[in-house]
Amino acid sequence: MPSCPPGSELVLLAASMAITISTELSADEINILASLFCAIGDNLAIIAAKQQQREEAQEV
């Protein structure tokens, strides 16, 4: 039996969370939450990129 690819647990967790959160919400409410989570993810990516840049500059 083949093993699951790395990160599969996070995919399953994210899907479970999305299903749980969306229960009993309207389509508009789900859209707003989706946009909010995308904005949070984008901002985290910017913060991580700047932090990595700073760490690499300190190594030089």
PDB file of N, CA and C in Angstrom:
ATOM      1  N   MET A   1       0.843  -1.185   0.000  1.00  0.00           N
ATOM      2  CA  MET A   1       0.000   0.000   0.000  1.00  0.00           C
ATOM      3  C   MET A   1       0.886   1.244   0.000  1.00  0.00           C
ATOM      4  N   PRO A   2       0.706   2.132  -0.974  1.00  0.00           N
ATOM      5  CA  PRO A   2       1.547   3.337  -1.035  1.00  0.00           C
ATOM      6  C   PRO A   2       1.204   4.299   0.111  1.00  0.00           C
ATOM      7  N   SER A   3       2.223   5.021   0.557  1.00  0.00           N
ATOM      8  CA  SER A   3       1.989   6.013   1.610  1.00  0.00           C
ATOM      9  C   SER A   3       1.460   7.306   1.003  1.00  0.00           C
ATOM     10  N   CYS A   4       0.860   8.110   1.848  1.00  0.00           N
ATOM     11  CA  CYS A   4       0.325   9.396   1.391  1.00  0.00           C
ATOM     12  C   CYS A   4       1.472  10.365   1.133  1.00  0.00           C
ATOM     13  N   PRO A   5       1.317  11.240   0.136  1.00  0.00           N
ATOM     14  CA  PRO A   5       2.376  12.220  -0.128  1.00  0.00           C
ATOM     15  C   PRO A   5       2.526  13.197   1.047  1.00  0.00           C
ATOM     16  N   PRO A   6       3.713  13.766   1.199  1.00  0.00           N
ATOM     17  CA  PRO A   6       3.908  14.742   2.275  1.00  0.00           C
ATOM     18  C   PRO A   6       2.916  15.895   2.172  1.00  0.00           C
ATOM     19  N   GLY A   7       2.399  16.304   3.287  1.00  0.00           N
ATOM     20  CA  GLY A   7       1.441  17.410   3.308  1.00  0.00           C
ATOM     21  C   GLY A   7      -0.004  16.986   3.206  1.00  0.00           C
ATOM     22  N   SER A   8      -0.247  15.704   2.986  1.00  0.00           N
ATOM     23  CA  SER A   8      -1.621  15.222   2.846  1.00  0.00           C
ATOM     24  C   SER A   8      -2.464  15.520   4.085  1.00  0.00           C
ATOM     25  N   GLU A   9      -1.819  15.410   5.247  1.00  0.00           N
ATOM     26  CA  GLU A   9      -2.548  15.674   6.488  1.00  0.00           C
ATOM     27  C   GLU A   9      -3.059  17.106   6.531  1.00  0.00           C
ATOM     28  N   LEU A  10      -2.234  18.038   6.048  1.00  0.00           N
ATOM     29  CA  LEU A  10      -2.658  19.443   6.046  1.00  0.00           C
ATOM     30  C   LEU A  10      -3.794  19.683   5.068  1.00  0.00           C
ATOM     31  N   VAL A  11      -3.765  18.993   3.932  1.00  0.00           N
ATOM     32  CA  VAL A  11      -4.848  19.118   2.952  1.00  0.00           C
ATOM     33  C   VAL A  11      -6.154  18.623   3.554  1.00  0.00           C
ATOM     34  N   LEU A  12      -6.091  17.477   4.211  1.00  0.00           N
ATOM     35  CA  LEU A  12      -7.289  16.921   4.847  1.00  0.00           C
ATOM     36  C   LEU A  12      -7.784  17.818   5.975  1.00  0.00           C
ATOM     37  N   LEU A  13      -6.860  18.361   6.761  1.00  0.00           N
ATOM     38  CA  LEU A  13      -7.243  19.268   7.835  1.00  0.00           C
ATOM     39  C   LEU A  13      -7.930  20.509   7.284  1.00  0.00           C
ATOM     40  N   ALA A  14      -7.352  21.096   6.235  1.00  0.00           N
ATOM     41  CA  ALA A  14      -7.932  22.299   5.631  1.00  0.00           C
ATOM     42  C   ALA A  14      -9.325  22.019   5.075  1.00  0.00           C
ATOM     43  N   ALA A  15      -9.493  20.881   4.411  1.00  0.00           N
ATOM     44  CA  ALA A  15     -10.806  20.531   3.860  1.00  0.00           C
ATOM     45  C   ALA A  15     -11.828  20.334   4.973  1.00  0.00           C
ATOM     46  N   SER A  16     -11.428  19.656   6.028  1.00  0.00           N
ATOM     47  CA  SER A  16     -12.332  19.431   7.160  1.00  0.00           C
ATOM     48  C   SER A  16     -12.730  20.751   7.817  1.00  0.00           C
ATOM     49  N   MET A  17     -11.755  21.637   7.981  1.00  0.00           N
ATOM     50  CA  MET A  17     -12.050  22.938   8.576  1.00  0.00           C
ATOM     51  C   MET A  17     -13.001  23.745   7.707  1.00  0.00           C
ATOM     52  N   ALA A  18     -12.766  23.737   6.393  1.00  0.00           N
ATOM     53  CA  ALA A  18     -13.631  24.491   5.482  1.00  0.00           C
ATOM     54  C   ALA A  18     -15.063  23.970   5.541  1.00  0.00           C
ATOM     55  N   ILE A  19     -15.206  22.663   5.547  1.00  0.00           N
ATOM     56  CA  ILE A  19     -16.550  22.075   5.607  1.00  0.00           C
ATOM     57  C   ILE A  19     -17.223  22.432   6.922  1.00  0.00           C
ATOM     58  N   THR A  20     -16.485  22.316   8.023  1.00  0.00           N
ATOM     59  CA  THR A  20     -17.052  22.615   9.334  1.00  0.00           C
ATOM     60  C   THR A  20     -17.437  24.079   9.465  1.00  0.00           C
ATOM     61  N   ILE A  21     -16.547  24.970   9.039  1.00  0.00           N
ATOM     62  CA  ILE A  21     -16.812  26.407   9.140  1.00  0.00           C
ATOM     63  C   ILE A  21     -18.004  26.811   8.278  1.00  0.00           C
ATOM     64  N   SER A  22     -18.122  26.222   7.096  1.00  0.00           N
ATOM     65  CA  SER A  22     -19.166  26.656   6.157  1.00  0.00           C
ATOM     66  C   SER A  22     -20.555  26.141   6.498  1.00  0.00           C
ATOM     67  N   THR A  23     -20.626  25.189   7.409  1.00  0.00           N
ATOM     68  CA  THR A  23     -21.935  24.650   7.788  1.00  0.00           C
ATOM     69  C   THR A  23     -22.809  25.755   8.369  1.00  0.00           C
ATOM     70  N   GLU A  24     -23.987  25.879   7.846  1.00  0.00           N
ATOM     71  CA  GLU A  24     -24.998  26.853   8.301  1.00  0.00           C
ATOM     72  C   GLU A  24     -24.640  28.309   8.005  1.00  0.00           C
ATOM     73  N   LEU A  25     -23.716  28.550   7.088  1.00  0.00           N
ATOM     74  CA  LEU A  25     -23.424  29.913   6.649  1.00  0.00           C
ATOM     75  C   LEU A  25     -24.020  30.126   5.269  1.00  0.00           C
ATOM     76  N   SER A  26     -24.352  31.373   4.974  1.00  0.00           N
ATOM     77  CA  SER A  26     -24.851  31.698   3.639  1.00  0.00           C
ATOM     78  C   SER A  26     -23.676  31.758   2.664  1.00  0.00           C
ATOM     79  N   ALA A  27     -23.993  31.762   1.388  1.00  0.00           N
ATOM     80  CA  ALA A  27     -22.956  31.871   0.361  1.00  0.00           C
ATOM     81  C   ALA A  27     -22.191  33.178   0.515  1.00  0.00           C
ATOM     82  N   ASP A  28     -22.881  34.262   0.841  1.00  0.00           N
ATOM     83  CA  ASP A  28     -22.208  35.550   1.044  1.00  0.00           C
ATOM     84  C   ASP A  28     -21.231  35.486   2.211  1.00  0.00           C
ATOM     85  N   GLU A  29     -21.644  34.868   3.315  1.00  0.00           N
ATOM     86  CA  GLU A  29     -20.769  34.752   4.476  1.00  0.00           C
ATOM     87  C   GLU A  29     -19.545  33.883   4.161  1.00  0.00           C
ATOM     88  N   ILE A  30     -19.754  32.808   3.412  1.00  0.00           N
ATOM     89  CA  ILE A  30     -18.639  31.950   3.020  1.00  0.00           C
ATOM     90  C   ILE A  30     -17.670  32.713   2.126  1.00  0.00           C
ATOM     91  N   ASN A  31     -18.198  33.497   1.183  1.00  0.00           N
ATOM     92  CA  ASN A  31     -17.339  34.302   0.304  1.00  0.00           C
ATOM     93  C   ASN A  31     -16.512  35.307   1.091  1.00  0.00           C
ATOM     94  N   ILE A  32     -17.122  35.933   2.083  1.00  0.00           N
ATOM     95  CA  ILE A  32     -16.393  36.916   2.901  1.00  0.00           C
ATOM     96  C   ILE A  32     -15.272  36.227   3.675  1.00  0.00           C
ATOM     97  N   LEU A  33     -15.581  35.079   4.287  1.00  0.00           N
ATOM     98  CA  LEU A  33     -14.549  34.346   5.017  1.00  0.00           C
ATOM     99  C   LEU A  33     -13.427  33.879   4.091  1.00  0.00           C
ATOM    100  N   ALA A  34     -13.787  33.403   2.910  1.00  0.00           N
ATOM    101  CA  ALA A  34     -12.777  32.961   1.946  1.00  0.00           C
ATOM    102  C   ALA A  34     -11.849  34.116   1.574  1.00  0.00           C
ATOM    103  N   SER A  35     -12.427  35.287   1.338  1.00  0.00           N
ATOM    104  CA  SER A  35     -11.610  36.461   1.005  1.00  0.00           C
ATOM    105  C   SER A  35     -10.710  36.854   2.163  1.00  0.00           C
ATOM    106  N   LEU A  36     -11.241  36.782   3.380  1.00  0.00           N
ATOM    107  CA  LEU A  36     -10.448  37.108   4.560  1.00  0.00           C
ATOM    108  C   LEU A  36      -9.273  36.146   4.703  1.00  0.00           C
ATOM    109  N   PHE A  37      -9.531  34.844   4.568  1.00  0.00           N
ATOM    110  CA  PHE A  37      -8.457  33.863   4.706  1.00  0.00           C
ATOM    111  C   PHE A  37      -7.417  34.012   3.597  1.00  0.00           C
ATOM    112  N   CYS A  38      -7.840  34.369   2.400  1.00  0.00           N
ATOM    113  CA  CYS A  38      -6.880  34.624   1.314  1.00  0.00           C
ATOM    114  C   CYS A  38      -6.001  35.823   1.651  1.00  0.00           C
ATOM    115  N   ALA A  39      -6.612  36.880   2.184  1.00  0.00           N
ATOM    116  CA  ALA A  39      -5.846  38.070   2.556  1.00  0.00           C
ATOM    117  C   ALA A  39      -4.858  37.740   3.662  1.00  0.00           C
ATOM    118  N   ILE A  40      -5.276  36.943   4.635  1.00  0.00           N
ATOM    119  CA  ILE A  40      -4.368  36.540   5.712  1.00  0.00           C
ATOM    120  C   ILE A  40      -3.201  35.746   5.129  1.00  0.00           C
ATOM    121  N   GLY A  41      -3.488  34.805   4.236  1.00  0.00           N
ATOM    122  CA  GLY A  41      -2.437  34.003   3.611  1.00  0.00           C
ATOM    123  C   GLY A  41      -1.466  34.852   2.809  1.00  0.00           C
ATOM    124  N   ASP A  42      -1.991  35.804   2.051  1.00  0.00           N
ATOM    125  CA  ASP A  42      -1.131  36.687   1.267  1.00  0.00           C
ATOM    126  C   ASP A  42      -0.221  37.507   2.171  1.00  0.00           C
ATOM    127  N   ASN A  43      -0.764  38.023   3.259  1.00  0.00           N
ATOM    128  CA  ASN A  43       0.042  38.824   4.179  1.00  0.00           C
ATOM    129  C   ASN A  43       1.089  37.967   4.881  1.00  0.00           C
ATOM    130  N   LEU A  44       0.739  36.740   5.242  1.00  0.00           N
ATOM    131  CA  LEU A  44       1.731  35.845   5.839  1.00  0.00           C
ATOM    132  C   LEU A  44       2.861  35.547   4.862  1.00  0.00           C
ATOM    133  N   ALA A  45       2.534  35.387   3.585  1.00  0.00           N
ATOM    134  CA  ALA A  45       3.558  35.126   2.572  1.00  0.00           C
ATOM    135  C   ALA A  45       4.509  36.321   2.437  1.00  0.00           C
ATOM    136  N   ILE A  46       3.975  37.523   2.493  1.00  0.00           N
ATOM    137  CA  ILE A  46       4.813  38.725   2.421  1.00  0.00           C
ATOM    138  C   ILE A  46       5.732  38.801   3.636  1.00  0.00           C
ATOM    139  N   ILE A  47       5.191  38.553   4.819  1.00  0.00           N
ATOM    140  CA  ILE A  47       5.979  38.588   6.043  1.00  0.00           C
ATOM    141  C   ILE A  47       7.087  37.541   5.991  1.00  0.00           C
ATOM    142  N   ALA A  48       6.762  36.328   5.540  1.00  0.00           N
ATOM    143  CA  ALA A  48       7.758  35.255   5.447  1.00  0.00           C
ATOM    144  C   ALA A  48       8.865  35.612   4.452  1.00  0.00           C
ATOM    145  N   ALA A  49       8.493  36.190   3.311  1.00  0.00           N
ATOM    146  CA  ALA A  49       9.488  36.564   2.304  1.00  0.00           C
ATOM    147  C   ALA A  49      10.437  37.631   2.844  1.00  0.00           C
ATOM    148  N   LYS A  50       9.901  38.623   3.530  1.00  0.00           N
ATOM    149  CA  LYS A  50      10.753  39.671   4.095  1.00  0.00           C
ATOM    150  C   LYS A  50      11.641  39.114   5.205  1.00  0.00           C
ATOM    151  N   GLN A  51      11.098  38.205   6.018  1.00  0.00           N
ATOM    152  CA  GLN A  51      11.895  37.601   7.077  1.00  0.00           C
ATOM    153  C   GLN A  51      13.029  36.761   6.489  1.00  0.00           C
ATOM    154  N   GLN A  52      12.734  35.997   5.449  1.00  0.00           N
ATOM    155  CA  GLN A  52      13.771  35.191   4.799  1.00  0.00           C
ATOM    156  C   GLN A  52      14.845  36.085   4.192  1.00  0.00           C
ATOM    157  N   GLN A  53      14.429  37.171   3.558  1.00  0.00           N
ATOM    158  CA  GLN A  53      15.383  38.113   2.965  1.00  0.00           C
ATOM    159  C   GLN A  53      16.307  38.692   4.042  1.00  0.00           C
ATOM    160  N   ARG A  54      15.732  39.051   5.171  1.00  0.00           N
ATOM    161  CA  ARG A  54      16.525  39.612   6.268  1.00  0.00           C
ATOM    162  C   ARG A  54      17.503  38.572   6.824  1.00  0.00           C
ATOM    163  N   GLU A  55      17.033  37.322   6.987  1.00  0.00           N
ATOM    164  CA  GLU A  55      17.894  36.260   7.507  1.00  0.00           C
ATOM    165  C   GLU A  55      19.047  35.958   6.540  1.00  0.00           C
ATOM    166  N   GLU A  56      18.773  35.958   5.250  1.00  0.00           N
ATOM    167  CA  GLU A  56      19.830  35.702   4.266  1.00  0.00           C
ATOM    168  C   GLU A  56      20.845  36.835   4.237  1.00  0.00           C
ATOM    169  N   ALA A  57      20.380  38.064   4.434  1.00  0.00           N
ATOM    170  CA  ALA A  57      21.288  39.207   4.448  1.00  0.00           C
ATOM    171  C   ALA A  57      22.197  39.158   5.671  1.00  0.00           C
ATOM    172  N   GLN A  58      21.711  38.642   6.793  1.00  0.00           N
ATOM    173  CA  GLN A  58      22.516  38.536   8.010  1.00  0.00           C
ATOM    174  C   GLN A  58      23.576  37.445   7.879  1.00  0.00           C
ATOM    175  N   GLU A  59      23.318  36.429   7.046  1.00  0.00           N
ATOM    176  CA  GLU A  59      24.269  35.340   6.854  1.00  0.00           C
ATOM    177  C   GLU A  59      25.486  35.769   6.032  1.00  0.00           C
ATOM    178  N   VAL A  60      25.304  36.798   5.220  1.00  0.00           N
ATOM    179  CA  VAL A  60      26.380  37.241   4.331  1.00  0.00           C
ATOM    180  C   VAL A  60      27.392  38.076   5.055  1.00  0.00           C
TER     181      VAL A  60
END
